[in-house]
Amino acid sequence: MTDEALSKTSYPTTLPAPEATFPPFPYLPIELQVKIWLASLPSSRIVEVSFSPSRNIYISNSPPPLALSVCHTSRQVAKSHYENLRLGDSPLPIPFDFAIDKLYVSFLPPIISTHASIFLYDLAVSPCRHVLRSMFLDMRAFNKLCDNGLLIIVAGMNRLDELGIVTEYGRAFRGEARFVDCPLSRSDLIGLTERVAGELYEAKKRVVSTRRVKRCNEVGEEKGSDMVRIRSVFLTRGGQIV
């Protein structure tokens, strides 16, 4: 082909869209299928949970991982990866990866005023409290829960790494949920974070003095090694503060 002919030849400027399905997938070796499904599992998720007073159960407002509903192999992989978050007597499974997922407990103000003690009791007796690493609470519920003993319960959650206070403005944006730390200019939220950190430190000292002082002294455990990071955050969806 001559240079002139080449110059007149048109070439596609965009790549074709990827196939939505891969029919040969079921015929791949099962070991490879398992690896693919493991790689498809989401990284850290925000799992939003609220209390339904009409049904007297906790429900999740976050979609479960897709692998739980695709096929037998994907379900087996997902079930081996996720545990169920258990609060109260709820019969509904809430898949949760305790190593990386963040629990976000959201409430509407009229509900929390009458159900704060129910949530605190369910949290205090849940076996999940021993393995939960990250918990965030709606700002509108946080103060009420603290008034009813939240920080004493948190002080006994030995695996907890972070406790978050979430500000929402009630705007109905859609998209993936994320937390964004509040700016330093919000002195009200920064002050709240510092106050809660101090109160939790005192609560932890009381818990340690009753349950762990002897063990700390005998094995030389570092008393500050189990401190919880307190965060004040905004909830965003699709990059917009909601």
Protein backbone atom coordinates (compact mmCIF):
# COMPACT_ATOMS: atom_id res chain seq x y z
CA MET A 1 0.00 0.00 0.00
CA THR A 2 1.38 3.40 -0.98
CA ASP A 3 1.94 6.26 1.44
CA GLU A 4 -0.92 8.15 -0.23
CA ALA A 5 -3.30 5.23 0.27
CA LEU A 6 -2.25 4.87 3.90
CA SER A 7 -2.91 8.54 4.53
CA LYS A 8 -6.48 8.13 3.26
CA THR A 9 -7.18 5.03 5.36
CA SER A 10 -9.32 5.68 8.43
CA TYR A 11 -8.71 3.87 11.71
CA PRO A 12 -11.00 3.58 14.74
CA THR A 13 -10.16 6.19 17.37
CA THR A 14 -11.85 4.40 20.27
CA LEU A 15 -11.51 0.91 21.64
CA PRO A 16 -14.55 -1.37 21.55
CA ALA A 17 -16.49 -1.65 24.77
CA PRO A 18 -15.53 -4.67 26.89
CA GLU A 19 -17.84 -7.64 26.80
CA ALA A 20 -20.45 -7.64 29.56
CA THR A 21 -20.27 -11.41 29.86
CA PHE A 22 -17.62 -14.10 29.51
CA PRO A 23 -19.39 -17.34 28.48
CA PRO A 24 -16.31 -19.60 28.91
CA PHE A 25 -15.97 -18.60 32.58
CA PRO A 26 -17.78 -21.70 33.99
CA TYR A 27 -15.30 -23.90 32.14
CA LEU A 28 -12.23 -22.35 33.76
CA PRO A 29 -10.47 -24.43 36.43
CA ILE A 30 -12.29 -24.02 39.74
CA GLU A 31 -9.09 -22.75 41.40
CA LEU A 32 -8.90 -19.92 38.87
CA GLN A 33 -12.59 -19.11 39.32
CA VAL A 34 -12.06 -18.83 43.07
CA LYS A 35 -9.12 -16.45 42.58
CA ILE A 36 -11.18 -14.29 40.23
CA TRP A 37 -14.10 -14.11 42.64
CA LEU A 38 -11.76 -13.26 45.52
CA ALA A 39 -10.28 -10.44 43.43
CA SER A 40 -13.79 -9.16 42.67
CA LEU A 41 -14.70 -8.64 46.33
CA PRO A 42 -14.88 -4.95 47.26
CA SER A 43 -12.27 -3.29 49.42
CA SER A 44 -13.31 -1.48 52.59
CA ARG A 45 -17.06 -0.76 52.55
CA ILE A 46 -19.24 1.58 54.58
CA VAL A 47 -22.05 -0.65 55.83
CA GLU A 48 -24.95 1.56 56.89
CA VAL A 49 -27.26 0.04 59.50
CA SER A 50 -30.39 1.54 61.02
CA PHE A 51 -33.04 0.38 63.47
CA SER A 52 -36.57 -0.25 62.22
CA PRO A 53 -38.91 0.35 65.18
CA SER A 54 -41.95 -0.99 63.33
CA ARG A 55 -40.20 -4.34 62.76
CA ASN A 56 -37.99 -4.15 65.87
CA ILE A 57 -34.93 -5.23 63.88
CA TYR A 58 -31.76 -3.74 62.42
CA ILE A 59 -31.63 -3.38 58.66
CA SER A 60 -28.77 -2.57 56.32
CA ASN A 61 -29.20 0.26 53.84
CA SER A 62 -26.06 -0.84 51.95
CA PRO A 63 -26.23 -3.39 49.12
CA PRO A 64 -24.54 -6.72 49.91
CA PRO A 65 -21.46 -7.73 47.91
CA LEU A 66 -22.49 -8.79 44.41
CA ALA A 67 -20.64 -12.11 44.67
CA LEU A 68 -23.24 -13.32 47.17
CA SER A 69 -25.88 -13.51 44.44
CA VAL A 70 -24.12 -14.50 41.19
CA CYS A 71 -23.55 -18.25 41.31
CA HIS A 72 -22.76 -21.12 43.66
CA THR A 73 -18.98 -20.64 43.49
CA SER A 74 -19.16 -16.89 44.04
CA ARG A 75 -21.50 -17.36 47.02
CA GLN A 76 -19.15 -19.90 48.60
CA VAL A 77 -16.19 -17.55 48.15
CA ALA A 78 -18.11 -14.59 49.59
CA LYS A 79 -19.49 -16.59 52.52
CA SER A 80 -15.99 -17.73 53.44
CA HIS A 81 -14.83 -14.09 53.39
CA TYR A 82 -17.70 -12.32 55.19
CA GLU A 83 -19.22 -12.85 58.59
CA ASN A 84 -22.65 -11.68 59.69
CA LEU A 85 -22.91 -8.50 61.71
CA ARG A 86 -25.21 -9.36 64.60
CA LEU A 87 -27.17 -6.74 66.53
CA GLY A 88 -30.22 -7.68 68.55
CA ASP A 89 -32.42 -10.52 67.34
CA SER A 90 -32.47 -9.45 63.70
CA PRO A 91 -33.03 -12.44 61.38
CA LEU A 92 -31.66 -10.54 58.39
CA PRO A 93 -28.01 -11.33 57.58
CA ILE A 94 -25.72 -8.31 57.23
CA PRO A 95 -22.47 -9.42 55.52
CA PHE A 96 -19.47 -7.71 57.10
CA ASP A 97 -15.68 -7.93 56.82
CA PHE A 98 -14.55 -7.07 60.34
CA ALA A 99 -10.96 -6.51 59.20
CA ILE A 100 -11.70 -3.60 56.83
CA ASP A 101 -15.41 -2.66 56.73
CA LYS A 102 -16.75 0.39 58.56
CA LEU A 103 -20.03 0.14 60.47
CA TYR A 104 -22.15 3.28 60.13
CA VAL A 105 -25.14 3.40 62.47
CA SER A 106 -27.60 6.03 61.25
CA PHE A 107 -30.73 7.18 63.05
CA LEU A 108 -33.47 9.74 62.58
CA PRO A 109 -33.83 12.07 65.59
CA PRO A 110 -37.37 10.94 66.59
CA ILE A 111 -36.21 7.33 66.65
CA ILE A 112 -33.04 7.79 68.66
CA SER A 113 -34.87 9.69 71.41
CA THR A 114 -36.86 6.55 72.24
CA HIS A 115 -34.53 3.74 71.12
CA ALA A 116 -31.09 4.82 72.34
CA SER A 117 -31.14 2.38 75.24
CA ILE A 118 -32.15 -0.49 72.93
CA PHE A 119 -29.20 0.10 70.62
CA LEU A 120 -26.75 0.46 73.51
CA TYR A 121 -27.94 -2.79 75.07
CA ASP A 122 -27.74 -4.63 71.74
CA LEU A 123 -24.23 -3.29 71.17
CA ALA A 124 -23.11 -4.18 74.70
CA VAL A 125 -24.19 -7.83 74.40
CA SER A 126 -23.32 -8.40 70.74
CA PRO A 127 -20.39 -10.79 70.12
CA CYS A 128 -19.41 -8.46 67.29
CA ARG A 129 -18.17 -5.87 69.76
CA HIS A 130 -15.08 -8.00 70.36
CA VAL A 131 -14.00 -7.94 66.69
CA LEU A 132 -15.35 -4.63 65.37
CA ARG A 133 -12.54 -2.29 64.28
CA SER A 134 -14.38 0.72 62.89
CA MET A 135 -17.68 2.26 64.00
CA PHE A 136 -19.29 5.53 62.91
CA LEU A 137 -22.41 7.12 64.40
CA ASP A 138 -24.76 9.79 63.12
CA MET A 139 -24.04 13.13 64.79
CA ARG A 140 -27.77 13.49 65.56
CA ALA A 141 -27.62 10.33 67.66
CA PHE A 142 -24.15 10.65 69.11
CA ASN A 143 -24.77 13.01 72.03
CA LYS A 144 -27.88 11.11 73.10
CA LEU A 145 -25.95 7.83 73.05
CA CYS A 146 -23.08 9.34 75.04
CA ASP A 147 -25.53 10.56 77.67
CA ASN A 148 -26.70 6.96 78.04
CA GLY A 149 -23.28 5.33 78.44
CA LEU A 150 -21.93 4.81 74.92
CA LEU A 151 -18.30 5.55 75.79
CA ILE A 152 -18.18 2.98 78.59
CA ILE A 153 -19.27 0.34 76.07
CA VAL A 154 -16.74 1.60 73.50
CA ALA A 155 -14.00 1.50 76.16
CA GLY A 156 -14.55 -2.25 76.45
CA MET A 157 -14.34 -2.87 72.68
CA ASN A 158 -10.71 -3.95 72.67
CA ARG A 159 -10.31 -4.34 68.89
CA LEU A 160 -11.87 -0.99 67.97
CA ASP A 161 -9.41 1.27 66.11
CA GLU A 162 -11.61 4.22 65.23
CA LEU A 163 -14.84 5.85 66.36
CA GLY A 164 -16.41 8.35 63.98
CA ILE A 165 -19.00 11.11 64.36
CA VAL A 166 -20.83 11.63 61.06
CA THR A 167 -22.40 14.89 59.91
CA GLU A 168 -25.19 14.61 57.34
CA TYR A 169 -27.31 17.40 55.87
CA GLY A 170 -30.09 15.19 54.51
CA ARG A 171 -29.47 15.82 50.81
CA ALA A 172 -30.46 12.94 48.55
CA PHE A 173 -27.36 12.47 46.42
CA ARG A 174 -26.65 9.05 44.95
CA GLY A 175 -23.41 7.16 44.52
CA GLU A 176 -20.78 5.38 46.55
CA ALA A 177 -20.70 6.41 50.21
CA ARG A 178 -17.44 7.77 51.60
CA PHE A 179 -16.27 9.61 54.70
CA VAL A 180 -14.32 12.87 54.45
CA ASP A 181 -12.60 14.26 57.53
CA CYS A 182 -13.91 17.66 58.58
CA PRO A 183 -11.62 20.64 57.86
CA LEU A 184 -9.66 22.32 60.64
CA SER A 185 -11.78 25.42 60.07
CA ARG A 186 -14.74 23.62 61.67
CA SER A 187 -13.63 24.38 65.21
CA ASP A 188 -16.95 23.13 66.58
CA LEU A 189 -16.40 19.64 65.19
CA ILE A 190 -12.70 19.61 66.06
CA GLY A 191 -13.59 20.61 69.61
CA LEU A 192 -16.17 17.83 69.81
CA THR A 193 -13.58 15.31 68.62
CA GLU A 194 -11.09 16.43 71.28
CA ARG A 195 -13.74 16.33 74.01
CA VAL A 196 -14.84 12.81 73.08
CA ALA A 197 -11.22 11.65 72.94
CA GLY A 198 -10.69 12.91 76.48
CA GLU A 199 -13.88 11.34 77.80
CA LEU A 200 -13.10 8.02 76.13
CA TYR A 201 -9.61 8.06 77.62
CA GLU A 202 -11.12 8.45 81.10
CA ALA A 203 -13.65 5.70 80.38
CA LYS A 204 -10.86 3.37 79.25
CA LYS A 205 -8.95 4.06 82.45
CA ARG A 206 -11.98 2.99 84.47
CA VAL A 207 -12.37 -0.18 82.42
CA VAL A 208 -8.68 -0.97 82.74
CA SER A 209 -8.71 -0.38 86.48
CA THR A 210 -11.46 -2.93 86.97
CA ARG A 211 -10.47 -5.59 84.44
CA ARG A 212 -6.93 -5.23 83.17
CA VAL A 213 -4.59 -3.57 85.68
CA LYS A 214 -3.27 -6.87 87.00
CA ARG A 215 -2.58 -8.19 83.50
CA CYS A 216 -0.92 -4.93 82.43
CA ASN A 217 1.41 -5.02 85.44
CA GLU A 218 2.28 -8.70 85.05
CA VAL A 219 3.08 -8.76 81.34
CA GLY A 220 4.20 -5.18 80.90
CA GLU A 221 1.43 -4.31 78.45
CA GLU A 222 1.67 -0.83 77.00
CA LYS A 223 -1.30 1.00 78.45
CA GLY A 224 -1.63 3.35 75.49
CA SER A 225 -1.55 0.66 72.82
CA ASP A 226 -5.33 0.29 72.56
CA MET A 227 -6.28 3.94 72.12
CA VAL A 228 -9.13 4.64 69.69
CA ARG A 229 -8.83 7.28 66.98
CA ILE A 230 -11.74 9.73 67.13
CA ARG A 231 -12.83 11.21 63.79
CA SER A 232 -15.38 13.83 62.84
CA VAL A 233 -16.41 13.29 59.22
CA PHE A 234 -18.87 14.31 56.54
CA LEU A 235 -20.77 11.63 54.62
CA THR A 236 -20.47 11.95 50.85
CA ARG A 237 -22.21 10.12 48.01
CA GLY A 238 -20.88 10.37 44.49
CA GLY A 239 -18.39 12.99 45.67
CA GLN A 240 -21.11 15.26 47.11
CA ILE A 241 -21.63 15.98 50.81
CA VAL A 242 -25.10 14.68 51.66
